[in-house]
């Protein structure tokens, strides 16, 4: 599974004052498990992360024995997991994250560029940067 991106978990654990080491350890372990997995469906994901739940188009991962929550969106067909947000229980319990993460909105569609040649609009091909 390609995980995009490790920046959000890193920013989260760097922002923790009292438990930065615990957050780093737990989120790094989660990252390694996710990165080394290849799920074709939510059922397969649940075999790796048994406490994961679906909320709309998002998946909520309990990380570190339920200390932290990681909100992601998985494209099973392409093998990509997008990390949308990481939070502790106090932030999670406010329940503002489903709207902020767009969990109830459909996944983004392919962008369409207007044609300059007078022909029909064509999808833009996005290149993956390495």
Protein backbone atom coordinates (compact mmCIF):
# COMPACT_ATOMS: atom_id res chain seq x y z
CA UNK A 1 0.00 0.00 0.00
CA UNK A 2 1.33 3.42 -0.87
CA UNK A 3 0.73 5.74 2.10
CA UNK A 4 0.35 9.45 1.38
CA UNK A 5 1.76 11.02 3.46
CA UNK A 6 3.90 10.47 6.52
CA UNK A 7 4.00 14.23 7.06
CA UNK A 8 0.68 14.41 8.94
CA UNK A 9 1.57 11.71 11.50
CA UNK A 10 5.01 13.33 11.93
CA UNK A 11 3.51 16.77 12.50
CA UNK A 12 1.12 15.24 15.03
CA UNK A 13 3.79 13.51 17.11
CA UNK A 14 6.07 16.54 16.94
CA UNK A 15 3.23 18.68 18.35
CA UNK A 16 2.74 16.40 21.39
CA UNK A 17 4.43 17.81 24.46
CA UNK A 18 4.16 15.04 27.05
CA UNK A 19 3.83 11.94 24.91
CA UNK A 20 5.76 12.69 21.70
CA UNK A 21 7.82 9.50 21.97
CA UNK A 22 4.75 7.35 22.50
CA UNK A 23 2.93 9.00 19.58
CA UNK A 24 5.98 8.60 17.33
CA UNK A 25 6.37 4.93 18.26
CA UNK A 26 2.67 4.12 17.77
CA UNK A 27 2.23 6.05 14.52
CA UNK A 28 5.49 4.71 13.05
CA UNK A 29 4.33 1.16 13.81
CA UNK A 30 0.97 1.88 12.15
CA UNK A 31 2.76 3.38 9.12
CA UNK A 32 5.01 0.33 8.67
CA UNK A 33 2.04 -2.05 8.90
CA UNK A 34 0.01 -0.04 6.40
CA UNK A 35 2.93 0.44 3.99
CA UNK A 36 3.71 -3.28 3.93
CA UNK A 37 0.09 -4.29 3.29
CA UNK A 38 -1.85 -4.75 0.08
CA UNK A 39 -5.59 -4.70 0.61
CA UNK A 40 -8.11 -5.30 -2.14
CA UNK A 41 -11.09 -4.51 0.08
CA UNK A 42 -12.18 -3.16 3.44
CA UNK A 43 -12.56 -6.76 4.67
CA UNK A 44 -8.86 -7.37 3.99
CA UNK A 45 -7.94 -4.10 5.71
CA UNK A 46 -9.90 -5.28 8.79
CA UNK A 47 -7.70 -8.39 8.92
CA UNK A 48 -4.70 -6.10 9.49
CA UNK A 49 -6.45 -3.41 11.56
CA UNK A 50 -9.34 -5.14 13.31
CA UNK A 51 -10.59 -2.01 15.06
CA UNK A 52 -10.79 0.10 11.86
CA UNK A 53 -14.22 1.55 11.09
CA UNK A 54 -15.82 3.14 8.05
CA UNK A 55 -17.34 6.59 8.36
CA UNK A 56 -18.72 7.61 4.99
CA UNK A 57 -15.79 7.42 2.56
CA UNK A 58 -13.20 7.58 5.35
CA UNK A 59 -11.61 4.91 7.48
CA UNK A 60 -10.92 5.54 11.15
CA UNK A 61 -7.89 3.70 12.52
CA UNK A 62 -7.38 3.27 16.27
CA UNK A 63 -3.65 3.67 16.79
CA UNK A 64 -1.62 2.81 19.86
CA UNK A 65 -4.15 0.81 21.87
CA UNK A 66 -6.83 3.41 21.19
CA UNK A 67 -4.69 6.41 22.24
CA UNK A 68 -4.86 8.12 18.85
CA UNK A 69 -7.14 8.18 15.82
CA UNK A 70 -5.94 8.37 12.25
CA UNK A 71 -8.47 9.28 9.55
CA UNK A 72 -7.68 8.09 6.05
CA UNK A 73 -9.19 7.42 2.68
CA UNK A 74 -8.23 4.26 0.81
CA UNK A 75 -8.31 3.70 -2.92
CA UNK A 76 -8.22 -0.10 -2.93
CA UNK A 77 -8.02 -0.34 -6.73
CA UNK A 78 -4.87 1.81 -6.92
CA UNK A 79 -3.38 0.66 -3.61
CA UNK A 80 -3.18 4.14 -2.09
CA UNK A 81 -4.01 5.23 1.46
CA UNK A 82 -4.35 8.98 1.99
CA UNK A 83 -3.75 10.16 5.56
CA UNK A 84 -6.24 12.98 6.12
CA UNK A 85 -5.88 13.67 9.82
CA UNK A 86 -4.36 12.40 13.08
CA UNK A 87 -5.82 13.34 16.45
CA UNK A 88 -6.09 12.36 20.08
CA UNK A 89 -9.34 11.36 21.78
CA UNK A 90 -10.23 14.89 22.90
CA UNK A 91 -10.08 16.15 19.30
CA UNK A 92 -11.85 13.06 17.95
CA UNK A 93 -14.70 13.31 20.46
CA UNK A 94 -15.55 16.85 19.26
CA UNK A 95 -16.84 15.07 16.13
CA UNK A 96 -15.99 17.92 13.74
CA UNK A 97 -13.55 15.80 11.73
CA UNK A 98 -16.09 14.03 9.41
CA UNK A 99 -17.03 17.36 7.81
CA UNK A 100 -13.45 18.69 7.87
CA UNK A 101 -12.11 15.52 6.22
CA UNK A 102 -14.95 15.34 3.69
CA UNK A 103 -15.97 11.85 4.79
CA UNK A 104 -19.53 12.25 3.54
CA UNK A 105 -18.48 13.69 0.17
CA UNK A 106 -17.74 11.41 -2.80
CA UNK A 107 -14.09 10.78 -3.69
CA UNK A 108 -12.48 13.42 -5.93
CA UNK A 109 -13.00 12.92 -9.65
CA UNK A 110 -10.44 13.16 -12.44
CA UNK A 111 -9.85 16.78 -13.46
CA UNK A 112 -10.89 17.83 -16.96
CA UNK A 113 -8.94 20.46 -18.90
CA UNK A 114 -10.79 22.68 -21.36
CA UNK A 115 -9.84 22.03 -24.94
CA UNK A 116 -8.15 24.78 -26.95
CA UNK A 117 -8.44 22.98 -30.27
CA UNK A 118 -12.23 22.97 -30.38
CA UNK A 119 -12.49 19.24 -29.70
CA UNK A 120 -14.17 17.72 -26.67
CA UNK A 121 -12.63 18.22 -23.25
CA UNK A 122 -10.07 15.57 -22.36
CA UNK A 123 -9.05 14.27 -18.92
CA UNK A 124 -5.73 15.48 -17.62
CA UNK A 125 -3.24 12.70 -17.09
CA UNK A 126 -1.54 13.19 -13.76
CA UNK A 127 2.02 11.96 -13.40
CA UNK A 128 3.21 10.44 -10.18
CA UNK A 129 6.23 12.28 -8.81
CA UNK A 130 9.01 10.28 -7.21
